[in-house]
Amino acid sequence: MDFNGFDFGGLFDIELAIESLPFILEGLPMTLLIAIIGMAIGLVLGLLLALARGSKRGVLRWPARIYISFMRGTPMLVFLFILYFGLPVVGIELTAIVAASLGFGLNSAAYIAEIDRSSLNSIDIGQWESARALNISYWPTLRKIILPQATRIAIPPLTNVFMDIVKATSLAAVITVPELFQKTQIVAGREFDAMTMYVLVAFIYWPVCILIGFMQDKLEAKYSRFL
């Protein structure tokens, strides 16, 4: 392949990147806000789904399985469009930020549910039997004995889910959420230099995910005492 005469320096305009960085970083708080809210919704709903999925009662187990299957089998972007553009048809209007936060939360709950279920199942059944022998009821056993141990096992895959949510918030740009990627698209369209802007935003997402990985290490160390 002949690269003679190709201007590699034109791939990334450092001056434009530095000049545009403050404007693009204005979208970072919104990116993190949506990701954190979405993860919080996913953690709560995911645990409930995991417990329902493992229930012996079909009335709980089958709706949970169907929900998990649907969310894992449909694109996140389609679900965002349903929430933001589809619900107004039936009289339910959500702001772009609410639709994005709810969308990421409801979608991530399906993946978190499977992580929680496998983590809970990995705990020795003898833990449950010992609790019953000591006359400890189901919920105190789950909260004080099983969940702390399962949490340590679930932390790495849950961290991956959070990283995926942070990166997936870029999809919220299509429903006009002023997050990191949407700010990047504004500059790219205005300056006609998409390559510089997209490389720049990639180098913004990267350290954010590195920080999340650092938090993972701290949480693993904290919960290691339960294993």
Protein backbone atom coordinates (compact mmCIF):
# COMPACT_ATOMS: atom_id res chain seq x y z
CA MET A 1 0.00 0.00 0.00
CA ASP A 2 1.44 3.35 -1.03
CA PHE A 3 1.40 6.01 1.68
CA ASN A 4 3.59 8.47 -0.23
CA GLY A 5 2.28 11.97 0.12
CA PHE A 6 -0.18 11.00 2.86
CA ASP A 7 -0.34 13.56 5.66
CA PHE A 8 -0.42 11.50 8.87
CA GLY A 9 -0.31 14.71 10.88
CA GLY A 10 -3.72 15.57 9.48
CA LEU A 11 -5.26 12.66 11.37
CA PHE A 12 -5.10 14.51 14.67
CA ASP A 13 -5.09 18.27 15.12
CA ILE A 14 -3.52 18.87 18.53
CA GLU A 15 -4.41 22.57 18.62
CA LEU A 16 -8.06 21.84 17.85
CA ALA A 17 -8.14 19.08 20.46
CA ILE A 18 -6.75 21.36 23.18
CA GLU A 19 -9.07 24.19 22.18
CA SER A 20 -12.15 21.91 22.16
CA LEU A 21 -11.35 19.92 25.31
CA PRO A 22 -13.11 22.24 27.84
CA PHE A 23 -16.32 22.23 25.81
CA ILE A 24 -16.31 18.45 25.39
CA LEU A 25 -15.56 17.88 29.09
CA GLU A 26 -18.76 19.78 29.91
CA GLY A 27 -20.56 16.59 28.90
CA LEU A 28 -18.58 14.35 31.27
CA PRO A 29 -20.72 15.05 34.40
CA MET A 30 -23.85 14.12 32.44
CA THR A 31 -22.19 10.93 31.19
CA LEU A 32 -21.26 9.92 34.73
CA LEU A 33 -24.66 10.92 36.13
CA ILE A 34 -26.55 8.76 33.64
CA ALA A 35 -24.14 5.86 34.16
CA ILE A 36 -24.39 6.01 37.96
CA ILE A 37 -28.19 6.27 37.98
CA GLY A 38 -28.46 3.49 35.42
CA MET A 39 -26.12 1.27 37.44
CA ALA A 40 -28.04 1.96 40.65
CA ILE A 41 -31.33 0.98 39.00
CA GLY A 42 -29.67 -2.08 37.51
CA LEU A 43 -28.22 -3.22 40.84
CA VAL A 44 -31.54 -3.05 42.69
CA LEU A 45 -33.66 -4.52 39.91
CA GLY A 46 -30.98 -7.05 38.99
CA LEU A 47 -30.88 -8.50 42.51
CA LEU A 48 -34.67 -8.80 42.59
CA LEU A 49 -34.63 -10.49 39.19
CA ALA A 50 -31.89 -12.87 40.31
CA LEU A 51 -33.89 -13.90 43.37
CA ALA A 52 -37.04 -14.31 41.27
CA ARG A 53 -35.10 -16.23 38.61
CA GLY A 54 -33.92 -18.70 41.23
CA SER A 55 -37.30 -19.02 42.92
CA LYS A 56 -39.15 -22.34 42.97
CA ARG A 57 -42.37 -20.45 42.23
CA GLY A 58 -43.14 -20.32 38.54
CA VAL A 59 -45.13 -17.09 38.94
CA LEU A 60 -41.85 -15.38 39.91
CA ARG A 61 -39.37 -17.42 37.92
CA TRP A 62 -40.90 -17.24 34.44
CA PRO A 63 -41.57 -13.47 34.26
CA ALA A 64 -37.98 -12.91 35.41
CA ARG A 65 -36.63 -15.27 32.74
CA ILE A 66 -38.71 -13.61 30.02
CA TYR A 67 -37.60 -10.12 31.10
CA ILE A 68 -33.93 -11.14 31.15
CA SER A 69 -34.23 -12.84 27.76
CA PHE A 70 -35.94 -9.81 26.19
CA MET A 71 -33.46 -7.27 27.50
CA ARG A 72 -30.43 -9.35 26.55
CA GLY A 73 -31.89 -10.04 23.12
CA THR A 74 -32.72 -6.49 22.02
CA PRO A 75 -30.30 -3.65 21.11
CA MET A 76 -29.91 -0.91 23.69
CA LEU A 77 -30.43 1.75 21.03
CA VAL A 78 -33.80 0.29 20.06
CA PHE A 79 -34.89 0.33 23.70
CA LEU A 80 -33.84 3.98 24.06
CA PHE A 81 -35.94 4.84 21.01
CA ILE A 82 -38.92 2.99 22.50
CA LEU A 83 -38.66 4.96 25.74
CA TYR A 84 -38.03 8.39 24.21
CA PHE A 85 -39.91 8.32 20.90
CA GLY A 86 -42.36 5.44 21.42
CA LEU A 87 -43.91 6.10 24.82
CA PRO A 88 -45.29 9.56 23.84
CA VAL A 89 -47.61 7.69 21.46
CA VAL A 90 -49.41 6.27 24.52
CA GLY A 91 -49.27 9.56 26.42
CA ILE A 92 -46.08 8.95 28.44
CA GLU A 93 -43.40 11.57 27.83
CA LEU A 94 -39.94 11.27 29.37
CA THR A 95 -37.14 13.79 29.20
CA ALA A 96 -34.06 12.61 27.32
CA ILE A 97 -32.05 12.31 30.54
CA VAL A 98 -34.75 10.29 32.33
CA ALA A 99 -35.24 8.04 29.29
CA ALA A 100 -31.50 7.39 29.05
CA SER A 101 -31.04 6.70 32.78
CA LEU A 102 -34.08 4.43 32.89
CA GLY A 103 -33.10 2.69 29.68
CA PHE A 104 -29.59 1.86 30.82
CA GLY A 105 -30.88 0.78 34.22
CA LEU A 106 -33.59 -1.53 32.90
CA ASN A 107 -31.26 -3.02 30.31
CA SER A 108 -28.27 -3.56 32.60
CA ALA A 109 -30.54 -5.19 35.20
CA ALA A 110 -30.84 -8.24 32.94
CA TYR A 111 -27.07 -8.75 32.84
CA ILE A 112 -26.65 -7.95 36.52
CA ALA A 113 -29.38 -10.47 37.37
CA GLU A 114 -27.40 -13.28 35.73
CA ILE A 115 -24.22 -12.16 37.48
CA ASP A 116 -26.00 -12.06 40.84
CA ARG A 117 -27.65 -15.42 40.26
CA SER A 118 -24.38 -17.16 39.44
CA SER A 119 -22.64 -15.47 42.39
CA LEU A 120 -25.39 -16.51 44.81
CA ASN A 121 -25.35 -20.06 43.46
CA SER A 122 -21.60 -20.27 43.96
CA ILE A 123 -22.01 -19.99 47.74
CA ASP A 124 -21.94 -23.39 49.43
CA ILE A 125 -25.44 -24.62 50.23
CA GLY A 126 -24.08 -25.55 53.64
CA GLN A 127 -24.19 -21.84 54.50
CA TRP A 128 -27.98 -21.88 54.09
CA GLU A 129 -28.33 -25.15 56.00
CA SER A 130 -26.24 -23.87 58.89
CA ALA A 131 -28.35 -20.72 59.09
CA ARG A 132 -31.53 -22.78 59.16
CA ALA A 133 -30.07 -24.96 61.89
CA LEU A 134 -29.48 -21.82 63.93
CA ASN A 135 -33.10 -20.78 63.27
CA ILE A 136 -32.08 -17.76 61.15
CA SER A 137 -34.82 -16.86 58.65
CA TYR A 138 -34.35 -16.40 54.89
CA TRP A 139 -33.87 -12.63 54.60
CA PRO A 140 -31.39 -12.20 57.48
CA THR A 141 -29.41 -15.16 56.10
CA LEU A 142 -29.38 -13.60 52.65
CA ARG A 143 -28.44 -10.12 53.86
CA LYS A 144 -25.87 -10.94 56.53
CA ILE A 145 -24.31 -14.21 55.37
CA ILE A 146 -24.85 -14.92 51.67
CA LEU A 147 -24.80 -11.48 50.02
CA PRO A 148 -21.47 -10.31 51.50
CA GLN A 149 -19.76 -13.42 50.15
CA ALA A 150 -21.54 -13.27 46.79
CA THR A 151 -20.69 -9.58 46.44
CA ARG A 152 -16.96 -10.28 46.42
CA ILE A 153 -17.44 -12.83 43.64
CA ALA A 154 -19.70 -10.49 41.65
CA ILE A 155 -17.52 -7.36 41.85
CA PRO A 156 -15.34 -8.01 38.73
CA PRO A 157 -18.23 -8.75 36.33
CA LEU A 158 -20.34 -5.97 37.85
CA THR A 159 -17.47 -3.57 37.25
CA ASN A 160 -17.42 -4.65 33.61
CA VAL A 161 -21.15 -3.88 33.41
CA PHE A 162 -20.55 -0.39 34.82
CA MET A 163 -17.75 0.22 32.32
CA ASP A 164 -20.06 -0.90 29.53
CA ILE A 165 -22.75 1.51 30.74
CA VAL A 166 -20.28 4.41 30.85
CA LYS A 167 -19.23 3.71 27.26
CA ALA A 168 -22.79 2.99 26.13
CA THR A 169 -23.94 6.42 27.33
CA SER A 170 -22.60 7.63 23.98
CA LEU A 171 -25.81 6.15 22.52
CA ALA A 172 -27.77 8.75 24.48
CA ALA A 173 -26.47 11.35 22.03
CA VAL A 174 -29.07 10.15 19.51
CA ILE A 175 -31.89 11.22 21.85
CA THR A 176 -30.28 14.65 22.41
CA VAL A 177 -28.73 14.05 25.85
CA PRO A 178 -25.87 16.59 26.22
CA GLU A 179 -23.31 14.02 27.31
CA LEU A 180 -19.67 13.51 26.33
CA PHE A 181 -20.18 12.07 22.85
CA GLN A 182 -22.91 14.51 21.89
CA LYS A 183 -20.57 17.41 22.70
CA THR A 184 -17.91 15.70 20.58
CA GLN A 185 -20.30 15.40 17.63
CA ILE A 186 -21.12 19.11 17.84
CA VAL A 187 -17.45 20.07 17.53
CA ALA A 188 -16.79 17.46 14.84
CA GLY A 189 -19.62 18.83 12.73
CA ARG A 190 -18.63 22.43 13.29
CA GLU A 191 -14.91 22.01 12.58
CA PHE A 192 -15.20 19.28 9.92
CA ASP A 193 -12.58 17.21 11.73
CA ALA A 194 -14.28 14.04 12.96
CA MET A 195 -11.05 12.07 13.35
CA THR A 196 -9.50 14.49 15.84
CA MET A 197 -12.66 14.72 17.91
CA TYR A 198 -13.33 10.99 18.04
CA VAL A 199 -9.74 10.17 18.97
CA LEU A 200 -9.93 12.85 21.65
CA VAL A 201 -13.14 11.48 23.18
CA ALA A 202 -11.67 7.98 23.13
CA PHE A 203 -8.81 9.25 25.28
CA ILE A 204 -11.36 10.75 27.68
CA TYR A 205 -13.33 7.52 28.11
CA TRP A 206 -10.12 5.56 28.69
CA PRO A 207 -8.95 7.19 31.97
CA VAL A 208 -12.53 7.13 33.27
CA CYS A 209 -12.56 3.36 32.83
CA ILE A 210 -9.10 3.10 34.40
CA LEU A 211 -10.48 4.91 37.46
CA ILE A 212 -13.40 2.48 37.61
CA GLY A 213 -10.92 -0.40 37.50
CA PHE A 214 -9.04 1.16 40.42
CA MET A 215 -12.30 1.33 42.38
CA GLN A 216 -12.85 -2.34 41.58
CA ASP A 217 -9.53 -3.24 43.21
CA LYS A 218 -10.49 -1.33 46.36
CA LEU A 219 -13.89 -3.02 46.58
CA GLU A 220 -12.37 -6.46 46.06
CA ALA A 221 -9.93 -5.83 48.89
CA LYS A 222 -12.76 -4.64 51.14
CA TYR A 223 -14.96 -7.69 50.54
CA SER A 224 -12.16 -10.25 50.57
CA ARG A 225 -12.61 -10.63 54.31
CA PHE A 226 -15.98 -12.31 53.68
CA LEU A 227 -14.37 -15.19 51.74
